[in-house]
C-alpha atoms as a PDB file:
ATOM      1  CA  MET A   1      79.256  82.447   9.072  1.00  0.00           C
ATOM      2  CA  LYS A   2      76.487  82.647  11.714  1.00  0.00           C
ATOM      3  CA  LYS A   3      74.511  79.612  11.426  1.00  0.00           C
ATOM      4  CA  LYS A   4      70.759  80.256  11.022  1.00  0.00           C
ATOM      5  CA  LYS A   5      68.595  79.146  13.806  1.00  0.00           C
ATOM      6  CA  LEU A   6      65.503  76.821  12.953  1.00  0.00           C
ATOM      7  CA  SER A   7      62.366  77.631  14.054  1.00  0.00           C
ATOM      8  CA  ASP A   8      60.159  75.621  16.341  1.00  0.00           C
ATOM      9  CA  LYS A   9      57.968  74.558  12.839  1.00  0.00           C
ATOM     10  CA  GLN A  10      61.321  73.599  11.000  1.00  0.00           C
ATOM     11  CA  LYS A  11      62.848  72.030  14.294  1.00  0.00           C
ATOM     12  CA  THR A  12      59.319  69.306  14.540  1.00  0.00           C
ATOM     13  CA  ILE A  13      59.495  69.243  10.642  1.00  0.00           C
ATOM     14  CA  MET A  14      63.133  67.665  11.008  1.00  0.00           C
ATOM     15  CA  GLN A  15      62.344  65.412  14.007  1.00  0.00           C
ATOM     16  CA  ASP A  16      59.271  63.972  11.824  1.00  0.00           C
ATOM     17  CA  ILE A  17      61.574  63.259   9.483  1.00  0.00           C
ATOM     18  CA  ARG A  18      64.465  61.656  11.462  1.00  0.00           C
ATOM     19  CA  ARG A  19      61.448  59.517  13.055  1.00  0.00           C
ATOM     20  CA  LYS A  20      60.141  58.667   9.554  1.00  0.00           C
ATOM     21  CA  ASP A  21      63.769  57.144   8.690  1.00  0.00           C
ATOM     22  CA  SER A  22      64.388  55.576  12.348  1.00  0.00           C
ATOM     23  CA  ALA A  23      60.995  54.423  13.431  1.00  0.00           C
ATOM     24  CA  ASP A  24      58.691  51.368  11.709  1.00  0.00           C
ATOM     25  CA  LEU A  25      55.592  52.842  11.180  1.00  0.00           C
ATOM     26  CA  TYR A  26      52.068  52.169  11.883  1.00  0.00           C
ATOM     27  CA  GLU A  27      49.837  52.527   8.522  1.00  0.00           C
ATOM     28  CA  GLY A  28      46.222  53.634   8.756  1.00  0.00           C
ATOM     29  CA  PHE A  29      43.914  56.224   7.152  1.00  0.00           C
ATOM     30  CA  VAL A  30      41.511  58.805   8.326  1.00  0.00           C
ATOM     31  CA  LEU A  31      37.974  57.828   8.915  1.00  0.00           C
ATOM     32  CA  VAL A  32      36.597  61.551  10.014  1.00  0.00           C
ATOM     33  CA  ASN A  33      38.282  64.456  10.853  1.00  0.00           C
ATOM     34  CA  LYS A  34      36.362  65.845  14.215  1.00  0.00           C
ATOM     35  CA  GLY A  35      38.616  68.747  14.465  1.00  0.00           C
ATOM     36  CA  LYS A  36      41.024  68.624  17.017  1.00  0.00           C
ATOM     37  CA  VAL A  37      40.567  64.796  17.203  1.00  0.00           C
ATOM     38  CA  VAL A  38      40.635  62.592  14.029  1.00  0.00           C
ATOM     39  CA  ASP A  39      39.916  58.442  14.060  1.00  0.00           C
ATOM     40  CA  ILE A  40      42.290  57.143  11.937  1.00  0.00           C
ATOM     41  CA  PHE A  41      41.897  53.177  11.196  1.00  0.00           C
ATOM     42  CA  CYS A  42      44.758  50.974  11.646  1.00  0.00           C
ATOM     43  CA  PRO A  43      44.789  47.249   9.588  1.00  0.00           C
ATOM     44  CA  GLU A  44      47.790  45.902  11.401  1.00  0.00           C
ATOM     45  CA  ILE A  45      46.058  46.004  15.171  1.00  0.00           C
ATOM     46  CA  GLY A  46      42.645  46.502  13.661  1.00  0.00           C
ATOM     47  CA  LYS A  47      41.234  48.834  15.664  1.00  0.00           C
ATOM     48  CA  VAL A  48      40.266  52.938  15.354  1.00  0.00           C
ATOM     49  CA  ILE A  49      42.681  55.040  17.182  1.00  0.00           C
ATOM     50  CA  GLN A  50      41.534  58.715  18.120  1.00  0.00           C
ATOM     51  CA  ILE A  51      44.446  60.788  17.859  1.00  0.00           C
ATOM     52  CA  ASN A  52      45.432  64.617  17.994  1.00  0.00           C
ATOM     53  CA  SER A  53      45.561  66.543  14.834  1.00  0.00           C
ATOM     54  CA  THR A  54      47.446  69.721  14.211  1.00  0.00           C
ATOM     55  CA  LYS A  55      47.172  71.949  11.271  1.00  0.00           C
ATOM     56  CA  ARG A  56      50.390  70.995  10.260  1.00  0.00           C
ATOM     57  CA  HIS A  57      49.244  67.615   8.777  1.00  0.00           C
ATOM     58  CA  GLN A  58      45.840  69.381   7.580  1.00  0.00           C
ATOM     59  CA  LEU A  59      44.135  65.481   7.445  1.00  0.00           C
ATOM     60  CA  ILE A  60      40.978  65.192   5.649  1.00  0.00           C
ATOM     61  CA  VAL A  61      39.035  61.529   5.463  1.00  0.00           C
ATOM     62  CA  GLY A  62      40.983  59.020   3.284  1.00  0.00           C
ATOM     63  CA  ASP A  63      44.266  60.718   3.996  1.00  0.00           C
ATOM     64  CA  SER A  64      46.653  57.885   4.544  1.00  0.00           C
ATOM     65  CA  VAL A  65      49.146  58.229   7.526  1.00  0.00           C
ATOM     66  CA  GLY A  66      52.285  56.995   9.104  1.00  0.00           C
ATOM     67  CA  LEU A  67      51.985  56.505  13.101  1.00  0.00           C
ATOM     68  CA  SER A  68      54.618  55.737  15.837  1.00  0.00           C
ATOM     69  CA  ARG A  69      54.774  52.453  17.255  1.00  0.00           C
ATOM     70  CA  GLU A  70      54.204  54.077  20.837  1.00  0.00           C
ATOM     71  CA  ASP A  71      51.414  53.187  23.610  1.00  0.00           C
ATOM     72  CA  VAL A  72      49.699  56.585  22.806  1.00  0.00           C
ATOM     73  CA  PRO A  73      50.824  56.773  18.436  1.00  0.00           C
ATOM     74  CA  ASN A  74      51.682  60.062  17.132  1.00  0.00           C
ATOM     75  CA  ILE A  75      50.826  61.363  13.480  1.00  0.00           C
ATOM     76  CA  ILE A  76      54.442  61.095  12.031  1.00  0.00           C
ATOM     77  CA  MET A  77      53.716  61.763   8.372  1.00  0.00           C
ATOM     78  CA  ARG A  78      51.092  62.066   5.960  1.00  0.00           C
ATOM     79  CA  HIS A  79      51.684  60.506   2.396  1.00  0.00           C
ATOM     80  CA  ASN A  80      50.973  62.043  -0.749  1.00  0.00           C
ATOM     81  CA  ARG A  81      47.541  61.667  -1.926  1.00  0.00           C
ATOM     82  CA  ARG A  82      46.333  60.382  -5.171  1.00  0.00           C
ATOM     83  CA  ASN A  83      43.403  62.465  -5.603  1.00  0.00           C
ATOM     84  CA  ALA A  84      41.182  65.109  -3.405  1.00  0.00           C
ATOM     85  CA  LEU A  85      37.618  65.791  -3.896  1.00  0.00           C
ATOM     86  CA  ILE A  86      37.447  69.408  -3.630  1.00  0.00           C
ATOM     87  CA  ARG A  87      34.792  72.143  -4.034  1.00  0.00           C
ATOM     88  CA  LEU A  88      36.107  74.071  -7.504  1.00  0.00           C
ATOM     89  CA  ASP A  89      33.560  77.043  -6.870  1.00  0.00           C
ATOM     90  CA  ASP A  90      35.208  77.520  -3.350  1.00  0.00           C
ATOM     91  CA  PRO A  91      37.963  79.844  -3.416  1.00  0.00           C
ATOM     92  CA  MET A  92      39.883  78.631  -0.552  1.00  0.00           C
ATOM     93  CA  ARG A  93      39.953  75.032  -2.358  1.00  0.00           C
ATOM     94  CA  HIS A  94      39.368  72.853   0.760  1.00  0.00           C
ATOM     95  CA  PRO A  95      39.824  69.600   0.004  1.00  0.00           C
ATOM     96  CA  ILE A  96      36.601  67.290   1.234  1.00  0.00           C
ATOM     97  CA  ALA A  97      37.862  63.399   0.923  1.00  0.00           C
ATOM     98  CA  ALA A  98      41.177  62.034  -0.356  1.00  0.00           C
ATOM     99  CA  ASN A  99      42.352  58.743  -1.996  1.00  0.00           C
ATOM    100  CA  ILE A 100      39.016  58.021  -3.638  1.00  0.00           C
ATOM    101  CA  ASP A 101      38.838  54.798  -6.168  1.00  0.00           C
ATOM    102  CA  MET A 102      35.429  55.576  -7.354  1.00  0.00           C
ATOM    103  CA  ALA A 103      32.709  58.836  -7.181  1.00  0.00           C
ATOM    104  CA  TYR A 104      28.857  58.073  -7.353  1.00  0.00           C
ATOM    105  CA  VAL A 105      27.093  60.574  -8.812  1.00  0.00           C
ATOM    106  CA  VAL A 106      23.442  60.043  -7.552  1.00  0.00           C
ATOM    107  CA  LEU A 107      21.043  61.087  -9.283  1.00  0.00           C
ATOM    108  CA  ALA A 108      16.727  60.901  -8.631  1.00  0.00           C
ATOM    109  CA  PRO A 109      13.863  61.832 -10.692  1.00  0.00           C
ATOM    110  CA  VAL A 110      12.965  64.089  -7.799  1.00  0.00           C
ATOM    111  CA  PRO A 111      14.707  66.601  -7.627  1.00  0.00           C
ATOM    112  CA  ALA A 112      15.634  66.402 -11.202  1.00  0.00           C
ATOM    113  CA  PRO A 113      18.714  66.918 -12.456  1.00  0.00           C
ATOM    114  CA  TRP A 114      19.385  69.946 -15.617  1.00  0.00           C
ATOM    115  CA  ASP A 115      20.497  68.288 -18.447  1.00  0.00           C
ATOM    116  CA  GLU A 116      24.031  69.773 -18.417  1.00  0.00           C
ATOM    117  CA  SER A 117      24.745  68.656 -14.946  1.00  0.00           C
ATOM    118  CA  ILE A 118      25.818  65.219 -16.475  1.00  0.00           C
ATOM    119  CA  ALA A 119      28.941  66.656 -18.471  1.00  0.00           C
ATOM    120  CA  GLN A 120      29.532  69.206 -15.201  1.00  0.00           C
ATOM    121  CA  TYR A 121      29.835  66.057 -13.066  1.00  0.00           C
ATOM    122  CA  LEU A 122      31.942  64.238 -15.629  1.00  0.00           C
ATOM    123  CA  CYS A 123      34.177  67.509 -15.939  1.00  0.00           C
ATOM    124  CA  TYR A 124      34.434  67.958 -12.578  1.00  0.00           C
ATOM    125  CA  LEU A 125      35.916  64.674 -11.587  1.00  0.00           C
ATOM    126  CA  TYR A 126      37.801  64.553 -14.845  1.00  0.00           C
ATOM    127  CA  VAL A 127      39.557  67.312 -13.612  1.00  0.00           C
ATOM    128  CA  LEU A 128      40.471  65.920 -10.104  1.00  0.00           C
ATOM    129  CA  ASN A 129      41.574  62.485 -11.869  1.00  0.00           C
ATOM    130  CA  ILE A 130      38.233  60.545  -9.794  1.00  0.00           C
ATOM    131  CA  PRO A 131      36.981  57.708 -11.850  1.00  0.00           C
ATOM    132  CA  CYS A 132      33.215  58.444 -12.336  1.00  0.00           C
ATOM    133  CA  ALA A 133      29.851  55.867 -12.077  1.00  0.00           C
ATOM    134  CA  PHE A 134      26.421  57.052 -11.637  1.00  0.00           C
ATOM    135  CA  ILE A 135      23.408  55.822  -9.446  1.00  0.00           C
ATOM    136  CA  ILE A 136      19.570  56.641 -10.363  1.00  0.00           C
ATOM    137  CA  ASN A 137      18.230  56.360  -6.978  1.00  0.00           C
ATOM    138  CA  LYS A 138      14.575  56.360  -6.433  1.00  0.00           C
ATOM    139  CA  ILE A 139      13.591  54.688  -9.780  1.00  0.00           C
ATOM    140  CA  ASP A 140      10.027  53.549  -7.909  1.00  0.00           C
ATOM    141  CA  LEU A 141       9.159  57.296  -7.736  1.00  0.00           C
ATOM    142  CA  GLY A 142       9.670  57.636 -11.964  1.00  0.00           C
ATOM    143  CA  GLN A 143      11.913  57.951 -14.391  1.00  0.00           C
ATOM    144  CA  LEU A 144      14.439  60.947 -15.505  1.00  0.00           C
ATOM    145  CA  SER A 145      13.879  62.647 -18.500  1.00  0.00           C
ATOM    146  CA  PRO A 146      14.968  61.505 -21.963  1.00  0.00           C
ATOM    147  CA  SER A 147      17.737  64.331 -22.203  1.00  0.00           C
ATOM    148  CA  ILE A 148      19.239  62.723 -18.996  1.00  0.00           C
ATOM    149  CA  LEU A 149      18.549  59.445 -20.281  1.00  0.00           C
ATOM    150  CA  SER A 150      20.620  59.697 -23.155  1.00  0.00           C
ATOM    151  CA  ARG A 151      23.380  61.594 -21.380  1.00  0.00           C
ATOM    152  CA  LEU A 152      24.001  58.717 -19.428  1.00  0.00           C
ATOM    153  CA  ASN A 153      23.611  56.229 -21.842  1.00  0.00           C
ATOM    154  CA  TYR A 154      26.253  58.132 -23.603  1.00  0.00           C
ATOM    155  CA  ALA A 155      28.251  58.249 -20.680  1.00  0.00           C
ATOM    156  CA  GLN A 156      28.110  54.579 -19.766  1.00  0.00           C
ATOM    157  CA  ASP A 157      29.001  53.240 -23.734  1.00  0.00           C
ATOM    158  CA  ILE A 158      31.140  56.070 -24.931  1.00  0.00           C
ATOM    159  CA  LEU A 159      33.277  56.515 -21.560  1.00  0.00           C
ATOM    160  CA  ASN A 160      33.356  53.801 -19.953  1.00  0.00           C
ATOM    161  CA  CYS A 161      31.362  55.114 -16.484  1.00  0.00           C
ATOM    162  CA  PRO A 162      28.881  52.722 -15.315  1.00  0.00           C
ATOM    163  CA  VAL A 163      24.878  53.659 -14.418  1.00  0.00           C
ATOM    164  CA  PHE A 164      23.144  51.479 -11.629  1.00  0.00           C
ATOM    165  CA  LYS A 165      19.551  52.065 -11.135  1.00  0.00           C
ATOM    166  CA  VAL A 166      18.204  51.553  -7.622  1.00  0.00           C
ATOM    167  CA  SER A 167      16.129  51.891  -4.899  1.00  0.00           C
ATOM    168  CA  ALA A 168      17.182  52.779  -1.471  1.00  0.00           C
ATOM    169  CA  SER A 169      13.767  52.207   0.149  1.00  0.00           C
ATOM    170  CA  SER A 170      12.757  48.384  -1.908  1.00  0.00           C
ATOM    171  CA  GLY A 171      16.252  47.808  -2.053  1.00  0.00           C
ATOM    172  CA  GLU A 172      15.754  47.076  -5.885  1.00  0.00           C
ATOM    173  CA  GLY A 173      19.499  47.054  -7.571  1.00  0.00           C
ATOM    174  CA  LEU A 174      21.965  47.173  -4.704  1.00  0.00           C
ATOM    175  CA  VAL A 175      23.238  43.766  -4.960  1.00  0.00           C
ATOM    176  CA  ALA A 176      24.788  44.620  -7.784  1.00  0.00           C
ATOM    177  CA  LEU A 177      25.865  48.094  -6.733  1.00  0.00           C
ATOM    178  CA  ARG A 178      27.735  46.217  -3.501  1.00  0.00           C
ATOM    179  CA  GLN A 179      29.782  44.454  -5.958  1.00  0.00           C
ATOM    180  CA  HIS A 180      30.688  47.208  -7.814  1.00  0.00           C
ATOM    181  CA  LEU A 181      31.633  48.567  -3.983  1.00  0.00           C
ATOM    182  CA  GLU A 182      33.911  45.499  -3.585  1.00  0.00           C
ATOM    183  CA  GLN A 183      37.826  46.366  -3.164  1.00  0.00           C
ATOM    184  CA  LYS A 184      37.457  50.309  -3.492  1.00  0.00           C
ATOM    185  CA  THR A 185      36.935  53.610  -1.737  1.00  0.00           C
ATOM    186  CA  SER A 186      33.969  54.780  -3.037  1.00  0.00           C
ATOM    187  CA  ILE A 187      32.391  58.347  -2.364  1.00  0.00           C
ATOM    188  CA  MET A 188      28.677  59.883  -3.120  1.00  0.00           C
ATOM    189  CA  ILE A 189      28.499  62.787  -4.338  1.00  0.00           C
ATOM    190  CA  GLY A 190      25.119  64.743  -5.909  1.00  0.00           C
ATOM    191  CA  PRO A 191      22.357  66.943  -5.396  1.00  0.00           C
ATOM    192  CA  SER A 192      20.738  67.036  -2.013  1.00  0.00           C
ATOM    193  CA  GLY A 193      17.308  65.464  -1.570  1.00  0.00           C
ATOM    194  CA  VAL A 194      18.552  62.455  -4.063  1.00  0.00           C
ATOM    195  CA  GLY A 195      19.106  59.975  -1.324  1.00  0.00           C
ATOM    196  CA  LYS A 196      22.669  59.915  -0.915  1.00  0.00           C
ATOM    197  CA  SER A 197      22.374  58.683   2.856  1.00  0.00           C
ATOM    198  CA  SER A 198      19.533  56.230   2.372  1.00  0.00           C
ATOM    199  CA  LEU A 199      21.936  54.612   0.367  1.00  0.00           C
ATOM    200  CA  VAL A 200      24.422  54.896   2.365  1.00  0.00           C
ATOM    201  CA  GLN A 201      22.370  53.424   5.183  1.00  0.00           C
ATOM    202  CA  ALA A 202      20.857  50.785   3.073  1.00  0.00           C
ATOM    203  CA  LEU A 203      24.515  49.711   2.265  1.00  0.00           C
ATOM    204  CA  LEU A 204      25.526  49.826   5.821  1.00  0.00           C
ATOM    205  CA  ALA A 205      22.313  48.500   7.722  1.00  0.00           C
ATOM    206  CA  GLU A 206      24.098  48.258  10.999  1.00  0.00           C
ATOM    207  CA  LYS A 207      25.214  52.068  10.776  1.00  0.00           C
ATOM    208  CA  ASN A 208      22.727  54.852  11.879  1.00  0.00           C
ATOM    209  CA  ILE A 209      22.820  57.788   9.099  1.00  0.00           C
ATOM    210  CA  VAL A 210      20.473  60.539   9.745  1.00  0.00           C
ATOM    211  CA  ILE A 211      18.210  60.927   6.681  1.00  0.00           C
ATOM    212  CA  GLY A 212      15.861  63.893   5.425  1.00  0.00           C
ATOM    213  CA  ASP A 213      12.871  64.440   3.310  1.00  0.00           C
ATOM    214  CA  LEU A 214      12.256  66.911   0.902  1.00  0.00           C
ATOM    215  CA  SER A 215      11.849  70.320   1.685  1.00  0.00           C
ATOM    216  CA  ALA A 216       8.495  71.652  -0.098  1.00  0.00           C
ATOM    217  CA  ALA A 217      10.616  73.680  -3.094  1.00  0.00           C
ATOM    218  CA  GLN A 218      11.602  69.987  -3.790  1.00  0.00           C
ATOM    219  CA  LYS A 219      14.945  70.713  -2.777  1.00  0.00           C
ATOM    220  CA  GLY A 220      17.143  68.777  -0.477  1.00  0.00           C
ATOM    221  CA  ARG A 221      17.976  69.630   2.647  1.00  0.00           C
ATOM    222  CA  HIS A 222      21.568  68.679   3.611  1.00  0.00           C
ATOM    223  CA  THR A 223      21.636  65.877   6.382  1.00  0.00           C
ATOM    224  CA  THR A 224      24.892  64.616   6.720  1.00  0.00           C
ATOM    225  CA  SER A 225      26.859  67.363   8.506  1.00  0.00           C
ATOM    226  CA  VAL A 226      30.255  65.771   8.864  1.00  0.00           C
ATOM    227  CA  THR A 227      32.025  63.541   5.817  1.00  0.00           C
ATOM    228  CA  GLN A 228      32.806  60.371   7.170  1.00  0.00           C
ATOM    229  CA  LYS A 229      34.638  56.544   5.914  1.00  0.00           C
ATOM    230  CA  TYR A 230      32.778  53.505   6.910  1.00  0.00           C
ATOM    231  CA  LEU A 231      33.987  49.709   6.079  1.00  0.00           C
ATOM    232  CA  ILE A 232      31.331  47.998   3.852  1.00  0.00           C
ATOM    233  CA  ASP A 233      31.039  44.692   5.669  1.00  0.00           C
ATOM    234  CA  GLN A 234      32.186  41.130   3.865  1.00  0.00           C
ATOM    235  CA  ASN A 235      33.433  43.012   0.987  1.00  0.00           C
ATOM    236  CA  ASN A 236      36.910  45.124   1.880  1.00  0.00           C
ATOM    237  CA  GLY A 237      35.121  48.235   0.202  1.00  0.00           C
ATOM    238  CA  TRP A 238      34.918  51.566   1.975  1.00  0.00           C
ATOM    239  CA  LEU A 239      32.165  53.788   1.559  1.00  0.00           C
ATOM    240  CA  ILE A 240      32.901  58.037   2.006  1.00  0.00           C
ATOM    241  CA  ASP A 241      29.708  59.606   3.126  1.00  0.00           C
ATOM    242  CA  SER A 242      29.854  63.529   2.632  1.00  0.00           C
ATOM    243  CA  PRO A 243      27.603  66.122   2.864  1.00  0.00           C
ATOM    244  CA  GLY A 244      25.558  67.198   0.042  1.00  0.00           C
ATOM    245  CA  VAL A 245      26.485  69.263  -3.038  1.00  0.00           C
ATOM    246  CA  ARG A 246      23.882  71.052  -4.844  1.00  0.00           C
ATOM    247  CA  GLN A 247      25.409  71.562  -7.926  1.00  0.00           C
ATOM    248  CA  CYS A 248      29.490  70.510  -7.344  1.00  0.00           C
ATOM    249  CA  GLY A 249      30.563  73.637  -8.682  1.00  0.00           C
ATOM    250  CA  LEU A 250      33.297  73.562 -11.489  1.00  0.00           C
ATOM    251  CA  GLY A 251      34.384  77.317 -10.772  1.00  0.00           C
ATOM    252  CA  SER A 252      36.593  78.868 -12.652  1.00  0.00           C
ATOM    253  CA  ILE A 253      39.094  76.820 -14.724  1.00  0.00           C
ATOM    254  CA  LEU A 254      40.795  76.473 -18.456  1.00  0.00           C
ATOM    255  CA  LYS A 255      39.029  75.434 -21.367  1.00  0.00           C
ATOM    256  CA  GLU A 256      41.945  72.971 -21.668  1.00  0.00           C
ATOM    257  CA  GLU A 257      40.789  72.052 -18.565  1.00  0.00           C
ATOM    258  CA  ILE A 258      37.301  71.758 -19.215  1.00  0.00           C
ATOM    259  CA  LEU A 259      38.333  69.384 -22.026  1.00  0.00           C
ATOM    260  CA  LEU A 260      39.764  66.717 -19.877  1.00  0.00           C
ATOM    261  CA  GLY A 261      35.910  66.141 -19.179  1.00  0.00           C
ATOM    262  CA  PHE A 262      35.325  65.585 -22.870  1.00  0.00           C
ATOM    263  CA  PRO A 263      38.147  62.687 -23.459  1.00  0.00           C
ATOM    264  CA  ASP A 264      36.029  61.545 -26.442  1.00  0.00           C
ATOM    265  CA  PHE A 265      36.846  64.448 -28.445  1.00  0.00           C
ATOM    266  CA  GLN A 266      40.318  63.249 -29.241  1.00  0.00           C
ATOM    267  CA  LYS A 267      38.745  60.841 -31.610  1.00  0.00           C
ATOM    268  CA  TYR A 268      37.988  63.524 -33.884  1.00  0.00           C
ATOM    269  CA  PRO A 269      41.765  65.155 -34.969  1.00  0.00           C
ATOM    270  CA  CYS A 270      41.785  68.500 -35.707  1.00  0.00           C
ATOM    271  CA  GLN A 271      43.638  70.828 -38.078  1.00  0.00           C
ATOM    272  CA  PHE A 272      45.547  72.713 -35.464  1.00  0.00           C
ATOM    273  CA  ARG A 273      46.589  71.328 -31.955  1.00  0.00           C
ATOM    274  CA  ASN A 274      45.278  74.441 -29.969  1.00  0.00           C
ATOM    275  CA  CYS A 275      41.816  73.970 -31.251  1.00  0.00           C
ATOM    276  CA  ASN A 276      39.327  75.314 -29.066  1.00  0.00           C
ATOM    277  CA  HIS A 277      36.275  73.029 -31.445  1.00  0.00           C
ATOM    278  CA  ILE A 278      34.355  76.533 -31.423  1.00  0.00           C
ATOM    279  CA  GLN A 279      34.382  77.660 -34.915  1.00  0.00           C
ATOM    280  CA  SER A 280      37.946  76.841 -35.395  1.00  0.00           C
ATOM    281  CA  LYS A 281      38.794  76.118 -39.238  1.00  0.00           C
ATOM    282  CA  GLY A 282      39.433  72.153 -39.727  1.00  0.00           C
ATOM    283  CA  CYS A 283      37.914  71.345 -36.433  1.00  0.00           C
ATOM    284  CA  GLY A 284      37.310  67.306 -36.237  1.00  0.00           C
ATOM    285  CA  VAL A 285      34.875  67.693 -33.770  1.00  0.00           C
ATOM    286  CA  GLN A 286      32.714  70.323 -35.583  1.00  0.00           C
ATOM    287  CA  HIS A 287      33.075  67.702 -38.630  1.00  0.00           C
ATOM    288  CA  ALA A 288      31.758  64.814 -36.413  1.00  0.00           C
ATOM    289  CA  LEU A 289      28.985  66.851 -35.415  1.00  0.00           C
ATOM    290  CA  ASP A 290      27.723  67.560 -39.031  1.00  0.00           C
ATOM    291  CA  GLU A 291      28.232  64.111 -39.751  1.00  0.00           C
ATOM    292  CA  LYS A 292      26.062  63.156 -36.368  1.00  0.00           C
ATOM    293  CA  ILE A 293      28.632  61.134 -35.356  1.00  0.00           C
ATOM    294  CA  LEU A 294      29.026  63.090 -32.030  1.00  0.00           C
ATOM    295  CA  PRO A 295      25.338  63.658 -30.671  1.00  0.00           C
ATOM    296  CA  ALA A 296      24.392  67.488 -30.682  1.00  0.00           C
ATOM    297  CA  HIS A 297      23.751  67.106 -26.953  1.00  0.00           C
ATOM    298  CA  ARG A 298      27.572  66.405 -25.889  1.00  0.00           C
ATOM    299  CA  TYR A 299      28.840  69.515 -28.154  1.00  0.00           C
ATOM    300  CA  GLU A 300      25.767  71.710 -26.122  1.00  0.00           C
ATOM    301  CA  ASP A 301      27.199  70.630 -23.089  1.00  0.00           C
ATOM    302  CA  TYR A 302      30.845  71.255 -24.018  1.00  0.00           C
ATOM    303  CA  LEU A 303      29.734  75.063 -25.232  1.00  0.00           C
ATOM    304  CA  PHE A 304      27.508  75.484 -22.244  1.00  0.00           C
ATOM    305  CA  LEU A 305      30.708  74.555 -19.683  1.00  0.00           C
ATOM    306  CA  CYS A 306      33.047  76.819 -21.946  1.00  0.00           C
ATOM    307  CA  GLN A 307      30.902  79.638 -21.847  1.00  0.00           C
ATOM    308  CA  LYS A 308      29.794  79.391 -17.893  1.00  0.00           C
ATOM    309  CA  PHE A 309      33.236  78.525 -16.389  1.00  0.00           C
ATOM    310  CA  SER A 310      35.989  78.818 -18.725  1.00  0.00           C
ATOM    311  CA  VAL A 311      38.903  81.632 -18.012  1.00  0.00           C
ATOM    312  CA  ALA A 312      42.044  82.781 -19.198  1.00  0.00           C
ATOM    313  CA  HIS A 313      44.264  81.907 -16.391  1.00  0.00           C
ATOM    314  CA  ARG A 314      45.252  79.162 -14.140  1.00  0.00           C
ATOM    315  CA  TYR A 315      43.858  78.421 -10.656  1.00  0.00           C
ATOM    316  CA  GLU A 316      45.855  76.792  -7.785  1.00  0.00           C
ATOM    317  CA  ARG A 317      45.072  73.182  -6.835  1.00  0.00           C
ATOM    318  CA  HIS A 318      45.105  72.062  -3.379  1.00  0.00           C
ATOM    319  CA  PHE A 319      46.228  68.555  -3.058  1.00  0.00           C
END
């Protein structure tokens, strides 16, 4: 039988496998992807290396990679991602950042968030397997609405999602936030204009982060154009600064996946395993709602997400 010839791509992959098996690699992770060039921090040698990137590796900020031990290192492999931040409303499912220990959803009195956004962020991050915390920025400018605060209190008390109240301009609350960032790779997401870049600037005083003002319509302008990972001095924490996300859209997902964002519903067993918690016989969630054990706002948010985002087919995740 005639032996099939390997393509150039297959040959390259095989060479990388052999080099991976035979070579002792430097370990590093991506700080910023500039297109054809990526900045990779290598802890062993304590410096940032600029390396030409290829489409084959499809590197994003936070990716962990193995580098050859050469005068001019090459990327030998990309390690599997634990998770990835993805715009689920993007038809191409392009990942933004990888290997995130905590995503901090930043909110502010201005621009004011809409009620269901809390559940939407929670569901979005649960689907992506990324732990969640909330930051209320600009506390010197006023209060969030009572309906938003009740949802945040529920997220903190029942879902174990920490909530931090800070002011990037005055520095109030930043000490506690800084402590929570220790030993983690974190990312800040949220609507534009809530002060994500200002927070990063306050936490990384020596960095020059571009900061913008609110537009006349009180909607934020995007001030960060490139996703980048920064070292937080003295606490071994890393912070990823990413372009603003106005709604952090869920896109089209299954109702079962929406339920990932409502783990508290599991406390209320239903008569049937496939209960959708919507006018179902023997539904434990409905019973908890009737008995006022489950807050009405929590169930209303579930109905809203099911109506707005759920579909009957499964989407493909690109991790």
